[in-house]
Amino acid sequence: MKKLLLSTILFVAPLISFGAVIDFPNPLGNASFGVILSKVLVIAMWVGGVILTVLVVWAAYTLMLSKGDPGEIKKAKATILYGIIGYVILLFAEAIRRIIVNLLT
């Protein structure tokens, strides 16, 4: 560990002492906050849609195999309800993002 720290210091010290300018390119380019937020929310919508599909299929499977057990039926209905509530929250997030972008531009 000490050797790694020493080698790092020996490598960085000359760069600092000679006033070397290290230029890192911006990985986001000239993207604005609205564009970045939009891309993140699009990915979240896709992931949320996949998760909702899996939850509905899982709940349907649980419901079919419940054999009339009220506890299992209640659990399956709750799974579907919570999945839909989560997706509605994602939809509201997209609506709120559009409102914020419209207010800022």
PDB file of N, CA and C in Angstrom:
ATOM      1  N   MET A   1       0.824  -1.188   0.000  1.00  0.00           N
ATOM      2  CA  MET A   1       0.000   0.000   0.000  1.00  0.00           C
ATOM      3  C   MET A   1       0.867   1.250   0.000  1.00  0.00           C
ATOM      4  N   LYS A   2       1.945   1.196   0.773  1.00  0.00           N
ATOM      5  CA  LYS A   2       2.831   2.344   0.835  1.00  0.00           C
ATOM      6  C   LYS A   2       3.523   2.574  -0.494  1.00  0.00           C
ATOM      7  N   LYS A   3       3.861   1.464  -1.189  1.00  0.00           N
ATOM      8  CA  LYS A   3       4.518   1.593  -2.486  1.00  0.00           C
ATOM      9  C   LYS A   3       3.582   2.225  -3.509  1.00  0.00           C
ATOM     10  N   LEU A   4       2.304   1.847  -3.461  1.00  0.00           N
ATOM     11  CA  LEU A   4       1.325   2.415  -4.380  1.00  0.00           C
ATOM     12  C   LEU A   4       1.147   3.908  -4.123  1.00  0.00           C
ATOM     13  N   LEU A   5       1.074   4.293  -2.871  1.00  0.00           N
ATOM     14  CA  LEU A   5       0.930   5.697  -2.516  1.00  0.00           C
ATOM     15  C   LEU A   5       2.169   6.492  -2.933  1.00  0.00           C
ATOM     16  N   LEU A   6       3.342   5.929  -2.698  1.00  0.00           N
ATOM     17  CA  LEU A   6       4.587   6.589  -3.064  1.00  0.00           C
ATOM     18  C   LEU A   6       4.708   6.745  -4.575  1.00  0.00           C
ATOM     19  N   SER A   7       4.351   5.700  -5.325  1.00  0.00           N
ATOM     20  CA  SER A   7       4.444   5.792  -6.782  1.00  0.00           C
ATOM     21  C   SER A   7       3.426   6.795  -7.334  1.00  0.00           C
ATOM     22  N   THR A   8       2.262   6.877  -6.721  1.00  0.00           N
ATOM     23  CA  THR A   8       1.268   7.856  -7.157  1.00  0.00           C
ATOM     24  C   THR A   8       1.769   9.275  -6.900  1.00  0.00           C
ATOM     25  N   ILE A   9       2.329   9.496  -5.752  1.00  0.00           N
ATOM     26  CA  ILE A   9       2.865  10.821  -5.430  1.00  0.00           C
ATOM     27  C   ILE A   9       4.005  11.181  -6.374  1.00  0.00           C
ATOM     28  N   LEU A  10       4.887  10.224  -6.650  1.00  0.00           N
ATOM     29  CA  LEU A  10       6.014  10.488  -7.541  1.00  0.00           C
ATOM     30  C   LEU A  10       5.561  10.758  -8.975  1.00  0.00           C
ATOM     31  N   PHE A  11       4.423  10.209  -9.366  1.00  0.00           N
ATOM     32  CA  PHE A  11       3.912  10.452 -10.711  1.00  0.00           C
ATOM     33  C   PHE A  11       3.175  11.784 -10.803  1.00  0.00           C
ATOM     34  N   VAL A  12       2.409  12.116  -9.785  1.00  0.00           N
ATOM     35  CA  VAL A  12       1.577  13.317  -9.823  1.00  0.00           C
ATOM     36  C   VAL A  12       2.364  14.576  -9.469  1.00  0.00           C
ATOM     37  N   ALA A  13       3.357  14.463  -8.587  1.00  0.00           N
ATOM     38  CA  ALA A  13       4.110  15.640  -8.132  1.00  0.00           C
ATOM     39  C   ALA A  13       4.755  16.416  -9.279  1.00  0.00           C
ATOM     40  N   PRO A  14       5.414  15.766 -10.254  1.00  0.00           N
ATOM     41  CA  PRO A  14       5.992  16.555 -11.353  1.00  0.00           C
ATOM     42  C   PRO A  14       4.936  17.258 -12.193  1.00  0.00           C
ATOM     43  N   LEU A  15       3.787  16.633 -12.344  1.00  0.00           N
ATOM     44  CA  LEU A  15       2.730  17.277 -13.135  1.00  0.00           C
ATOM     45  C   LEU A  15       2.254  18.554 -12.458  1.00  0.00           C
ATOM     46  N   ILE A  16       2.133  18.510 -11.142  1.00  0.00           N
ATOM     47  CA  ILE A  16       1.689  19.687 -10.407  1.00  0.00           C
ATOM     48  C   ILE A  16       2.777  20.757 -10.381  1.00  0.00           C
ATOM     49  N   SER A  17       4.017  20.328 -10.181  1.00  0.00           N
ATOM     50  CA  SER A  17       5.098  21.302 -10.047  1.00  0.00           C
ATOM     51  C   SER A  17       5.408  22.014 -11.361  1.00  0.00           C
ATOM     52  N   PHE A  18       5.232  21.355 -12.482  1.00  0.00           N
ATOM     53  CA  PHE A  18       5.493  21.996 -13.769  1.00  0.00           C
ATOM     54  C   PHE A  18       4.265  22.705 -14.319  1.00  0.00           C
ATOM     55  N   GLY A  19       3.199  22.667 -13.608  1.00  0.00           N
ATOM     56  CA  GLY A  19       1.984  23.366 -14.012  1.00  0.00           C
ATOM     57  C   GLY A  19       1.311  22.726 -15.206  1.00  0.00           C
ATOM     58  N   ALA A  20       1.399  21.423 -15.304  1.00  0.00           N
ATOM     59  CA  ALA A  20       0.781  20.729 -16.423  1.00  0.00           C
ATOM     60  C   ALA A  20      -0.733  20.843 -16.325  1.00  0.00           C
ATOM     61  N   VAL A  21      -1.348  21.069 -17.449  1.00  0.00           N
ATOM     62  CA  VAL A  21      -2.798  21.178 -17.502  1.00  0.00           C
ATOM     63  C   VAL A  21      -3.349  19.849 -18.002  1.00  0.00           C
ATOM     64  N   ILE A  22      -4.136  19.233 -17.182  1.00  0.00           N
ATOM     65  CA  ILE A  22      -4.761  17.977 -17.569  1.00  0.00           C
ATOM     66  C   ILE A  22      -6.183  18.301 -17.973  1.00  0.00           C
ATOM     67  N   ASP A  23      -6.506  18.009 -19.213  1.00  0.00           N
ATOM     68  CA  ASP A  23      -7.822  18.345 -19.741  1.00  0.00           C
ATOM     69  C   ASP A  23      -8.637  17.071 -19.889  1.00  0.00           C
ATOM     70  N   PHE A  24      -9.703  16.978 -19.116  1.00  0.00           N
ATOM     71  CA  PHE A  24     -10.593  15.837 -19.210  1.00  0.00           C
ATOM     72  C   PHE A  24     -11.821  16.246 -20.019  1.00  0.00           C
ATOM     73  N   PRO A  25     -12.160  15.480 -21.051  1.00  0.00           N
ATOM     74  CA  PRO A  25     -13.359  15.830 -21.820  1.00  0.00           C
ATOM     75  C   PRO A  25     -14.622  15.540 -21.012  1.00  0.00           C
ATOM     76  N   ASN A  26     -15.629  16.337 -21.245  1.00  0.00           N
ATOM     77  CA  ASN A  26     -16.894  16.161 -20.554  1.00  0.00           C
ATOM     78  C   ASN A  26     -17.607  14.951 -21.153  1.00  0.00           C
ATOM     79  N   PRO A  27     -17.858  13.901 -20.381  1.00  0.00           N
ATOM     80  CA  PRO A  27     -18.503  12.711 -20.944  1.00  0.00           C
ATOM     81  C   PRO A  27     -19.959  12.956 -21.337  1.00  0.00           C
ATOM     82  N   LEU A  28     -20.551  14.011 -20.823  1.00  0.00           N
ATOM     83  CA  LEU A  28     -21.947  14.307 -21.147  1.00  0.00           C
ATOM     84  C   LEU A  28     -22.073  15.235 -22.340  1.00  0.00           C
ATOM     85  N   GLY A  29     -20.953  15.725 -22.828  1.00  0.00           N
ATOM     86  CA  GLY A  29     -21.008  16.662 -23.944  1.00  0.00           C
ATOM     87  C   GLY A  29     -21.616  17.969 -23.492  1.00  0.00           C
ATOM     88  N   ASN A  30     -22.450  18.549 -24.323  1.00  0.00           N
ATOM     89  CA  ASN A  30     -23.118  19.802 -23.988  1.00  0.00           C
ATOM     90  C   ASN A  30     -24.563  19.568 -23.572  1.00  0.00           C
ATOM     91  N   ALA A  31     -24.833  18.415 -22.991  1.00  0.00           N
ATOM     92  CA  ALA A  31     -26.193  18.061 -22.615  1.00  0.00           C
ATOM     93  C   ALA A  31     -26.666  18.916 -21.445  1.00  0.00           C
ATOM     94  N   SER A  32     -27.900  19.357 -21.528  1.00  0.00           N
ATOM     95  CA  SER A  32     -28.476  20.145 -20.449  1.00  0.00           C
ATOM     96  C   SER A  32     -29.096  19.220 -19.398  1.00  0.00           C
ATOM     97  N   PHE A  33     -29.505  19.813 -18.307  1.00  0.00           N
ATOM     98  CA  PHE A  33     -30.118  19.051 -17.226  1.00  0.00           C
ATOM     99  C   PHE A  33     -31.383  18.346 -17.703  1.00  0.00           C
ATOM    100  N   GLY A  34     -32.174  19.031 -18.525  1.00  0.00           N
ATOM    101  CA  GLY A  34     -33.423  18.444 -19.020  1.00  0.00           C
ATOM    102  C   GLY A  34     -33.183  17.225 -19.897  1.00  0.00           C
ATOM    103  N   VAL A  35     -32.147  17.281 -20.732  1.00  0.00           N
ATOM    104  CA  VAL A  35     -31.837  16.156 -21.618  1.00  0.00           C
ATOM    105  C   VAL A  35     -31.368  14.956 -20.803  1.00  0.00           C
ATOM    106  N   ILE A  36     -30.506  15.213 -19.826  1.00  0.00           N
ATOM    107  CA  ILE A  36     -30.004  14.121 -18.989  1.00  0.00           C
ATOM    108  C   ILE A  36     -31.143  13.496 -18.195  1.00  0.00           C
ATOM    109  N   LEU A  37     -31.984  14.325 -17.591  1.00  0.00           N
ATOM    110  CA  LEU A  37     -33.115  13.822 -16.815  1.00  0.00           C
ATOM    111  C   LEU A  37     -34.077  13.045 -17.695  1.00  0.00           C
ATOM    112  N   SER A  38     -34.281  13.525 -18.916  1.00  0.00           N
ATOM    113  CA  SER A  38     -35.165  12.838 -19.844  1.00  0.00           C
ATOM    114  C   SER A  38     -34.642  11.448 -20.171  1.00  0.00           C
ATOM    115  N   LYS A  39     -33.339  11.336 -20.435  1.00  0.00           N
ATOM    116  CA  LYS A  39     -32.761  10.032 -20.763  1.00  0.00           C
ATOM    117  C   LYS A  39     -32.830   9.080 -19.578  1.00  0.00           C
ATOM    118  N   VAL A  40     -32.591   9.607 -18.382  1.00  0.00           N
ATOM    119  CA  VAL A  40     -32.663   8.764 -17.185  1.00  0.00           C
ATOM    120  C   VAL A  40     -34.102   8.272 -16.979  1.00  0.00           C
ATOM    121  N   LEU A  41     -35.074   9.151 -17.184  1.00  0.00           N
ATOM    122  CA  LEU A  41     -36.470   8.748 -16.988  1.00  0.00           C
ATOM    123  C   LEU A  41     -36.942   7.779 -18.062  1.00  0.00           C
ATOM    124  N   VAL A  42     -36.437   7.908 -19.274  1.00  0.00           N
ATOM    125  CA  VAL A  42     -36.807   6.940 -20.320  1.00  0.00           C
ATOM    126  C   VAL A  42     -36.304   5.552 -19.933  1.00  0.00           C
ATOM    127  N   ILE A  43     -35.077   5.488 -19.439  1.00  0.00           N
ATOM    128  CA  ILE A  43     -34.535   4.198 -18.997  1.00  0.00           C
ATOM    129  C   ILE A  43     -35.346   3.672 -17.810  1.00  0.00           C
ATOM    130  N   ALA A  44     -35.703   4.561 -16.887  1.00  0.00           N
ATOM    131  CA  ALA A  44     -36.500   4.149 -15.722  1.00  0.00           C
ATOM    132  C   ALA A  44     -37.874   3.643 -16.149  1.00  0.00           C
ATOM    133  N   MET A  45     -38.454   4.251 -17.173  1.00  0.00           N
ATOM    134  CA  MET A  45     -39.763   3.789 -17.663  1.00  0.00           C
ATOM    135  C   MET A  45     -39.649   2.383 -18.259  1.00  0.00           C
ATOM    136  N   TRP A  46     -38.595   2.143 -19.022  1.00  0.00           N
ATOM    137  CA  TRP A  46     -38.398   0.810 -19.595  1.00  0.00           C
ATOM    138  C   TRP A  46     -38.190  -0.226 -18.499  1.00  0.00           C
ATOM    139  N   VAL A  47     -37.329   0.082 -17.555  1.00  0.00           N
ATOM    140  CA  VAL A  47     -37.067  -0.854 -16.458  1.00  0.00           C
ATOM    141  C   VAL A  47     -38.338  -1.058 -15.631  1.00  0.00           C
ATOM    142  N   GLY A  48     -39.064   0.022 -15.372  1.00  0.00           N
ATOM    143  CA  GLY A  48     -40.313  -0.080 -14.625  1.00  0.00           C
ATOM    144  C   GLY A  48     -41.350  -0.926 -15.349  1.00  0.00           C
ATOM    145  N   GLY A  49     -41.401  -0.793 -16.674  1.00  0.00           N
ATOM    146  CA  GLY A  49     -42.327  -1.611 -17.446  1.00  0.00           C
ATOM    147  C   GLY A  49     -41.986  -3.087 -17.370  1.00  0.00           C
ATOM    148  N   VAL A  50     -40.711  -3.394 -17.436  1.00  0.00           N
ATOM    149  CA  VAL A  50     -40.280  -4.792 -17.321  1.00  0.00           C
ATOM    150  C   VAL A  50     -40.602  -5.330 -15.932  1.00  0.00           C
ATOM    151  N   ILE A  51     -40.309  -4.537 -14.913  1.00  0.00           N
ATOM    152  CA  ILE A  51     -40.594  -4.972 -13.537  1.00  0.00           C
ATOM    153  C   ILE A  51     -42.095  -5.148 -13.329  1.00  0.00           C
ATOM    154  N   LEU A  52     -42.898  -4.232 -13.876  1.00  0.00           N
ATOM    155  CA  LEU A  52     -44.352  -4.367 -13.753  1.00  0.00           C
ATOM    156  C   LEU A  52     -44.840  -5.651 -14.422  1.00  0.00           C
ATOM    157  N   THR A  53     -44.305  -5.956 -15.588  1.00  0.00           N
ATOM    158  CA  THR A  53     -44.697  -7.180 -16.287  1.00  0.00           C
ATOM    159  C   THR A  53     -44.346  -8.412 -15.452  1.00  0.00           C
ATOM    160  N   VAL A  54     -43.152  -8.419 -14.900  1.00  0.00           N
ATOM    161  CA  VAL A  54     -42.732  -9.558 -14.070  1.00  0.00           C
ATOM    162  C   VAL A  54     -43.625  -9.671 -12.832  1.00  0.00           C
ATOM    163  N   LEU A  55     -43.951  -8.530 -12.203  1.00  0.00           N
ATOM    164  CA  LEU A  55     -44.807  -8.567 -11.016  1.00  0.00           C
ATOM    165  C   LEU A  55     -46.201  -9.083 -11.330  1.00  0.00           C
ATOM    166  N   VAL A  56     -46.753  -8.661 -12.460  1.00  0.00           N
ATOM    167  CA  VAL A  56     -48.103  -9.113 -12.823  1.00  0.00           C
ATOM    168  C   VAL A  56     -48.097 -10.608 -13.130  1.00  0.00           C
ATOM    169  N   VAL A  57     -47.083 -11.065 -13.853  1.00  0.00           N
ATOM    170  CA  VAL A  57     -46.998 -12.504 -14.152  1.00  0.00           C
ATOM    171  C   VAL A  57     -46.814 -13.298 -12.862  1.00  0.00           C
ATOM    172  N   TRP A  58     -45.950 -12.798 -11.966  1.00  0.00           N
ATOM    173  CA  TRP A  58     -45.730 -13.480 -10.687  1.00  0.00           C
ATOM    174  C   TRP A  58     -47.018 -13.515  -9.865  1.00  0.00           C
ATOM    175  N   ALA A  59     -47.741 -12.412  -9.826  1.00  0.00           N
ATOM    176  CA  ALA A  59     -48.990 -12.371  -9.056  1.00  0.00           C
ATOM    177  C   ALA A  59     -50.041 -13.298  -9.668  1.00  0.00           C
ATOM    178  N   ALA A  60     -50.104 -13.340 -11.002  1.00  0.00           N
ATOM    179  CA  ALA A  60     -51.056 -14.248 -11.654  1.00  0.00           C
ATOM    180  C   ALA A  60     -50.706 -15.699 -11.343  1.00  0.00           C
ATOM    181  N   TYR A  61     -49.426 -16.006 -11.360  1.00  0.00           N
ATOM    182  CA  TYR A  61     -48.975 -17.359 -11.024  1.00  0.00           C
ATOM    183  C   TYR A  61     -49.340 -17.702  -9.579  1.00  0.00           C
ATOM    184  N   THR A  62     -49.120 -16.761  -8.685  1.00  0.00           N
ATOM    185  CA  THR A  62     -49.464 -16.966  -7.276  1.00  0.00           C
ATOM    186  C   THR A  62     -50.971 -17.139  -7.111  1.00  0.00           C
ATOM    187  N   LEU A  63     -51.724 -16.343  -7.850  1.00  0.00           N
ATOM    188  CA  LEU A  63     -53.190 -16.416  -7.765  1.00  0.00           C
ATOM    189  C   LEU A  63     -53.705 -17.758  -8.269  1.00  0.00           C
ATOM    190  N   MET A  64     -53.117 -18.248  -9.365  1.00  0.00           N
ATOM    191  CA  MET A  64     -53.567 -19.533  -9.911  1.00  0.00           C
ATOM    192  C   MET A  64     -53.238 -20.698  -8.982  1.00  0.00           C
ATOM    193  N   LEU A  65     -52.120 -20.605  -8.295  1.00  0.00           N
ATOM    194  CA  LEU A  65     -51.706 -21.698  -7.424  1.00  0.00           C
ATOM    195  C   LEU A  65     -52.139 -21.513  -5.974  1.00  0.00           C
ATOM    196  N   SER A  66     -52.976 -20.513  -5.713  1.00  0.00           N
ATOM    197  CA  SER A  66     -53.393 -20.246  -4.335  1.00  0.00           C
ATOM    198  C   SER A  66     -54.374 -21.276  -3.803  1.00  0.00           C
ATOM    199  N   LYS A  67     -55.067 -21.991  -4.686  1.00  0.00           N
ATOM    200  CA  LYS A  67     -56.037 -23.028  -4.298  1.00  0.00           C
ATOM    201  C   LYS A  67     -57.111 -22.480  -3.371  1.00  0.00           C
ATOM    202  N   GLY A  68     -57.489 -21.229  -3.595  1.00  0.00           N
ATOM    203  CA  GLY A  68     -58.564 -20.636  -2.804  1.00  0.00           C
ATOM    204  C   GLY A  68     -58.146 -20.129  -1.438  1.00  0.00           C
ATOM    205  N   ASP A  69     -56.857 -20.168  -1.127  1.00  0.00           N
ATOM    206  CA  ASP A  69     -56.373 -19.681   0.171  1.00  0.00           C
ATOM    207  C   ASP A  69     -56.497 -18.157   0.203  1.00  0.00           C
ATOM    208  N   PRO A  70     -57.290 -17.620   1.142  1.00  0.00           N
ATOM    209  CA  PRO A  70     -57.490 -16.169   1.170  1.00  0.00           C
ATOM    210  C   PRO A  70     -56.205 -15.373   1.380  1.00  0.00           C
ATOM    211  N   GLY A  71     -55.273 -15.908   2.135  1.00  0.00           N
ATOM    212  CA  GLY A  71     -54.014 -15.210   2.371  1.00  0.00           C
ATOM    213  C   GLY A  71     -53.195 -15.076   1.089  1.00  0.00           C
ATOM    214  N   GLU A  72     -53.149 -16.136   0.295  1.00  0.00           N
ATOM    215  CA  GLU A  72     -52.396 -16.094  -0.963  1.00  0.00           C
ATOM    216  C   GLU A  72     -53.084 -15.194  -1.990  1.00  0.00           C
ATOM    217  N   ILE A  73     -54.407 -15.215  -2.018  1.00  0.00           N
ATOM    218  CA  ILE A  73     -55.152 -14.348  -2.937  1.00  0.00           C
ATOM    219  C   ILE A  73     -54.911 -12.889  -2.577  1.00  0.00           C
ATOM    220  N   LYS A  74     -54.939 -12.589  -1.289  1.00  0.00           N
ATOM    221  CA  LYS A  74     -54.695 -11.217  -0.838  1.00  0.00           C
ATOM    222  C   LYS A  74     -53.272 -10.781  -1.200  1.00  0.00           C
ATOM    223  N   LYS A  75     -52.302 -11.677  -1.039  1.00  0.00           N
ATOM    224  CA  LYS A  75     -50.917 -11.366  -1.371  1.00  0.00           C
ATOM    225  C   LYS A  75     -50.762 -11.098  -2.879  1.00  0.00           C
ATOM    226  N   ALA A  76     -51.432 -11.893  -3.713  1.00  0.00           N
ATOM    227  CA  ALA A  76     -51.348 -11.706  -5.164  1.00  0.00           C
ATOM    228  C   ALA A  76     -51.979 -10.377  -5.582  1.00  0.00           C
ATOM    229  N   LYS A  77     -53.125 -10.053  -5.002  1.00  0.00           N
ATOM    230  CA  LYS A  77     -53.774  -8.776  -5.320  1.00  0.00           C
ATOM    231  C   LYS A  77     -52.911  -7.595  -4.880  1.00  0.00           C
ATOM    232  N   ALA A  78     -52.285  -7.726  -3.720  1.00  0.00           N
ATOM    233  CA  ALA A  78     -51.409  -6.653  -3.233  1.00  0.00           C
ATOM    234  C   ALA A  78     -50.198  -6.484  -4.153  1.00  0.00           C
ATOM    235  N   THR A  79     -49.657  -7.575  -4.678  1.00  0.00           N
ATOM    236  CA  THR A  79     -48.518  -7.495  -5.594  1.00  0.00           C
ATOM    237  C   THR A  79     -48.894  -6.744  -6.856  1.00  0.00           C
ATOM    238  N   ILE A  80     -50.050  -7.043  -7.406  1.00  0.00           N
ATOM    239  CA  ILE A  80     -50.508  -6.333  -8.606  1.00  0.00           C
ATOM    240  C   ILE A  80     -50.733  -4.855  -8.289  1.00  0.00           C
ATOM    241  N   LEU A  81     -51.384  -4.577  -7.170  1.00  0.00           N
ATOM    242  CA  LEU A  81     -51.663  -3.191  -6.785  1.00  0.00           C
ATOM    243  C   LEU A  81     -50.376  -2.396  -6.606  1.00  0.00           C
ATOM    244  N   TYR A  82     -49.397  -2.949  -5.901  1.00  0.00           N
ATOM    245  CA  TYR A  82     -48.153  -2.226  -5.659  1.00  0.00           C
ATOM    246  C   TYR A  82     -47.355  -2.030  -6.940  1.00  0.00           C
ATOM    247  N   GLY A  83     -47.413  -2.992  -7.837  1.00  0.00           N
ATOM    248  CA  GLY A  83     -46.741  -2.834  -9.124  1.00  0.00           C
ATOM    249  C   GLY A  83     -47.341  -1.702  -9.936  1.00  0.00           C
ATOM    250  N   ILE A  84     -48.657  -1.630  -9.955  1.00  0.00           N
ATOM    251  CA  ILE A  84     -49.334  -0.561 -10.702  1.00  0.00           C
ATOM    252  C   ILE A  84     -49.083   0.792 -10.047  1.00  0.00           C
ATOM    253  N   ILE A  85     -49.088   0.848  -8.728  1.00  0.00           N
ATOM    254  CA  ILE A  85     -48.793   2.109  -8.030  1.00  0.00           C
ATOM    255  C   ILE A  85     -47.381   2.584  -8.357  1.00  0.00           C
ATOM    256  N   GLY A  86     -46.428   1.680  -8.380  1.00  0.00           N
ATOM    257  CA  GLY A  86     -45.060   2.045  -8.733  1.00  0.00           C
ATOM    258  C   GLY A  86     -44.952   2.586 -10.139  1.00  0.00           C
ATOM    259  N   TYR A  87     -45.670   1.979 -11.081  1.00  0.00           N
ATOM    260  CA  TYR A  87     -45.619   2.453 -12.465  1.00  0.00           C
ATOM    261  C   TYR A  87     -46.297   3.815 -12.602  1.00  0.00           C
ATOM    262  N   VAL A  88     -47.372   4.031 -11.871  1.00  0.00           N
ATOM    263  CA  VAL A  88     -48.043   5.341 -11.899  1.00  0.00           C
ATOM    264  C   VAL A  88     -47.103   6.419 -11.353  1.00  0.00           C
ATOM    265  N   ILE A  89     -46.329   6.079 -10.337  1.00  0.00           N
ATOM    266  CA  ILE A  89     -45.341   7.036  -9.819  1.00  0.00           C
ATOM    267  C   ILE A  89     -44.326   7.386 -10.894  1.00  0.00           C
ATOM    268  N   LEU A  90     -43.894   6.406 -11.676  1.00  0.00           N
ATOM    269  CA  LEU A  90     -42.976   6.684 -12.780  1.00  0.00           C
ATOM    270  C   LEU A  90     -43.627   7.603 -13.815  1.00  0.00           C
ATOM    271  N   LEU A  91     -44.897   7.382 -14.093  1.00  0.00           N
ATOM    272  CA  LEU A  91     -45.588   8.246 -15.056  1.00  0.00           C
ATOM    273  C   LEU A  91     -45.676   9.677 -14.535  1.00  0.00           C
ATOM    274  N   PHE A  92     -45.957   9.837 -13.245  1.00  0.00           N
ATOM    275  CA  PHE A  92     -45.994  11.177 -12.668  1.00  0.00           C
ATOM    276  C   PHE A  92     -44.621  11.836 -12.679  1.00  0.00           C
ATOM    277  N   ALA A  93     -43.574  11.040 -12.509  1.00  0.00           N
ATOM    278  CA  ALA A  93     -42.217  11.587 -12.566  1.00  0.00           C
ATOM    279  C   ALA A  93     -41.947  12.169 -13.949  1.00  0.00           C
ATOM    280  N   GLU A  94     -42.385  11.490 -14.988  1.00  0.00           N
ATOM    281  CA  GLU A  94     -42.215  12.010 -16.355  1.00  0.00           C
ATOM    282  C   GLU A  94     -43.022  13.292 -16.540  1.00  0.00           C
ATOM    283  N   ALA A  95     -44.230  13.331 -16.013  1.00  0.00           N
ATOM    284  CA  ALA A  95     -45.051  14.542 -16.133  1.00  0.00           C
ATOM    285  C   ALA A  95     -44.409  15.707 -15.373  1.00  0.00           C
ATOM    286  N   ILE A  96     -43.902  15.447 -14.193  1.00  0.00           N
ATOM    287  CA  ILE A  96     -43.244  16.496 -13.409  1.00  0.00           C
ATOM    288  C   ILE A  96     -41.988  16.986 -14.119  1.00  0.00           C
ATOM    289  N   ARG A  97     -41.235  16.073 -14.737  1.00  0.00           N
ATOM    290  CA  ARG A  97     -40.046  16.473 -15.486  1.00  0.00           C
ATOM    291  C   ARG A  97     -40.402  17.410 -16.624  1.00  0.00           C
ATOM    292  N   ARG A  98     -41.465  17.094 -17.347  1.00  0.00           N
ATOM    293  CA  ARG A  98     -41.889  17.962 -18.455  1.00  0.00           C
ATOM    294  C   ARG A  98     -42.313  19.341 -17.960  1.00  0.00           C
ATOM    295  N   ILE A  99     -43.008  19.377 -16.826  1.00  0.00           N
ATOM    296  CA  ILE A  99     -43.418  20.669 -16.267  1.00  0.00           C
ATOM    297  C   ILE A  99     -42.186  21.492 -15.877  1.00  0.00           C
ATOM    298  N   ILE A 100     -41.210  20.856 -15.225  1.00  0.00           N
ATOM    299  CA  ILE A 100     -39.991  21.570 -14.807  1.00  0.00           C
ATOM    300  C   ILE A 100     -39.224  22.072 -16.012  1.00  0.00           C
ATOM    301  N   VAL A 101     -39.074  21.252 -17.044  1.00  0.00           N
ATOM    302  CA  VAL A 101     -38.340  21.676 -18.247  1.00  0.00           C
ATOM    303  C   VAL A 101     -39.067  22.820 -18.919  1.00  0.00           C
ATOM    304  N   ASN A 102     -40.383  22.771 -18.982  1.00  0.00           N
ATOM    305  CA  ASN A 102     -41.142  23.868 -19.599  1.00  0.00           C
ATOM    306  C   ASN A 102     -41.015  25.154 -18.792  1.00  0.00           C
ATOM    307  N   LEU A 103     -40.948  25.055 -17.486  1.00  0.00           N
ATOM    308  CA  LEU A 103     -40.799  26.250 -16.659  1.00  0.00           C
ATOM    309  C   LEU A 103     -39.394  26.853 -16.781  1.00  0.00           C
ATOM    310  N   LEU A 104     -38.390  26.003 -16.942  1.00  0.00           N
ATOM    311  CA  LEU A 104     -37.016  26.487 -17.009  1.00  0.00           C
ATOM    312  C   LEU A 104     -36.619  26.998 -18.387  1.00  0.00           C
ATOM    313  N   THR A 105     -37.351  26.580 -19.423  1.00  0.00           N
ATOM    314  CA  THR A 105     -36.977  27.042 -20.779  1.00  0.00           C
ATOM    315  C   THR A 105     -37.932  28.073 -21.277  1.00  0.00           C
TER     316      THR A 105
END
